[in-house]
Protein backbone atom coordinates (compact mmCIF):
# COMPACT_ATOMS: atom_id res chain seq x y z
CA ILE A 1 0.00 0.00 0.00
CA GLN A 2 1.41 3.35 -1.07
CA PRO A 3 1.08 6.16 1.45
CA THR A 4 -0.78 9.15 0.08
CA HIS A 5 0.13 12.71 0.87
CA GLU A 6 -2.71 15.13 0.56
CA ASN A 7 -2.05 18.83 0.41
CA LYS A 8 -3.32 20.05 3.73
CA ARG A 9 -3.13 23.69 4.68
CA VAL A 10 -2.33 24.49 8.28
CA PRO A 11 -4.57 27.33 9.50
CA TRP A 12 -2.80 30.56 10.44
CA ILE A 13 -4.30 30.40 13.92
CA GLU A 14 -2.30 27.21 14.57
CA ILE A 15 0.89 28.64 13.03
CA ASN A 16 0.55 31.80 15.14
CA SER A 17 -0.02 29.73 18.28
CA ALA A 18 3.08 27.61 17.59
CA ILE A 19 5.21 30.72 17.02
CA GLY A 20 3.81 32.16 20.26
CA LEU A 21 4.92 29.05 22.16
CA ILE A 22 8.41 29.33 20.66
CA VAL A 23 8.61 32.97 21.76
CA LEU A 24 7.45 32.03 25.27
CA LEU A 25 10.03 29.23 25.52
CA LEU A 26 12.92 31.39 24.31
CA SER A 27 11.86 34.27 26.56
CA THR A 28 11.61 31.95 29.58
CA LEU A 29 15.08 30.55 28.89
CA GLU A 30 16.54 34.06 28.80
CA LYS A 31 14.81 35.18 32.01
CA LYS A 32 15.79 32.09 33.98
CA PRO A 33 18.08 33.01 36.91
CA HIS A 34 21.79 32.62 36.07
CA SER A 35 20.93 32.05 32.39
CA VAL A 36 23.78 32.39 29.91
CA ILE A 37 21.30 32.92 27.07
CA LYS A 38 21.05 36.53 25.91
CA TYR A 39 19.39 37.76 22.72
CA GLN A 40 20.18 40.81 20.63
CA ASN A 41 16.45 41.17 19.92
CA LYS A 42 13.66 41.69 22.47
CA LEU A 43 10.99 38.98 22.66
CA VAL A 44 7.45 39.91 23.72
CA PRO A 45 5.46 36.72 24.38
CA GLN A 46 1.71 37.36 23.95
CA GLY A 47 0.36 33.98 22.89
CA SER A 48 -0.68 33.87 19.25
CA THR A 49 -0.07 37.64 18.90
CA SER A 50 3.56 37.73 20.05
CA LYS A 51 5.99 40.42 18.93
CA ILE A 52 9.71 40.86 18.53
CA GLY A 53 11.79 44.01 18.88
CA ILE A 54 14.62 44.13 16.36
CA ARG A 55 17.54 46.17 17.69
CA LYS A 56 19.59 48.34 15.35
CA GLY A 57 21.98 50.28 17.53
CA ASP A 58 19.94 52.03 20.22
CA ILE A 59 16.69 51.83 18.23
CA VAL A 60 14.24 48.94 18.73
CA THR A 61 11.54 48.40 16.11
CA PHE A 62 8.73 46.01 17.01
CA TYR A 63 7.25 43.58 14.50
CA HIS A 64 4.31 41.21 14.75
CA LEU A 65 5.13 37.49 14.88
CA PHE A 66 1.72 36.54 13.54
CA SER A 67 -0.02 36.70 10.19
CA ASP A 68 -3.15 35.66 8.33
CA ASP A 69 -4.31 34.76 4.83
CA SER A 70 -4.91 38.34 3.75
CA PHE A 71 -3.42 39.64 0.52
CA GLN A 72 -0.77 42.35 0.82
CA ILE A 73 0.69 44.24 -2.13
CA PHE A 74 4.25 44.08 -0.81
CA GLY A 75 3.87 40.58 0.61
CA LYS A 76 4.48 39.91 4.25
CA ARG A 77 7.77 41.76 4.53
CA SER A 78 7.39 42.78 8.19
CA PHE A 79 6.38 39.22 9.13
CA ASN A 80 9.46 37.93 7.32
CA VAL A 81 11.65 40.41 9.21
CA ALA A 82 10.07 39.24 12.47
CA LEU A 83 10.67 35.56 11.62
CA ASN A 84 14.28 36.32 10.74
CA GLY A 85 14.68 38.02 14.14
CA LEU A 86 13.17 35.00 15.86
CA LEU A 87 15.58 32.72 14.01
CA ARG A 88 18.42 34.96 15.24
CA CYS A 89 17.21 34.44 18.84
CA LEU A 90 17.11 30.68 18.29
CA ALA A 91 20.66 30.79 16.91
CA ASP A 92 21.80 32.86 19.92
CA ALA A 93 20.22 30.35 22.33
CA GLY A 94 21.75 27.40 20.50
CA ALA A 95 25.21 28.99 20.51
CA ALA A 96 25.01 29.80 24.24
CA VAL A 97 23.95 26.25 25.15
CA GLU A 98 26.56 24.71 22.84
CA LYS A 99 29.32 26.68 24.62
CA ILE A 100 28.35 24.94 27.86
CA ASP A 101 27.81 21.44 26.45
CA ARG A 102 28.85 20.57 22.88
CA THR A 103 26.56 17.51 22.91
CA LEU A 104 23.51 19.82 23.02
CA ALA A 105 24.07 21.35 19.58
CA LEU A 106 21.10 22.27 17.39
CA PRO A 107 20.31 19.52 14.85
CA HIS A 108 20.68 21.99 11.95
CA ARG A 109 23.12 24.87 11.59
CA ILE A 110 21.64 28.37 11.50
CA GLU A 111 23.88 30.70 9.52
CA CYS A 112 23.75 34.40 8.74
CA THR A 113 24.12 35.43 5.10
CA THR A 114 26.02 38.51 3.98
CA GLY A 115 22.71 40.37 3.81
CA GLY A 116 21.95 39.63 7.48
CA ILE A 117 19.36 36.96 6.72
CA TYR A 118 19.41 33.87 8.92
CA LEU A 119 19.00 30.50 7.19
């Protein structure tokens, strides 16, 4: 019997909730007493409507870490910026933990491109 893969769309409400849980986890890890995890960006856990503050020098610009199915002329640029900032936080957390214990490395490398995009 061949397994079938149907195209199933995940609703944005579930995606937003999952991102909110990631933000809460990363924020909790940073705020834990004696934590070695520090992020360049500021995480604001608010459930499925979480935000991230991207720091550029002394200026912090906040972006929404949630989206929907609505059409936007310029795409979802601010959402993409927010996701890139979240990926930066994940990379920061992974690097901090890996310095303590090399066996706890992230399963996939997160690298920054020349344009400042995290992949």
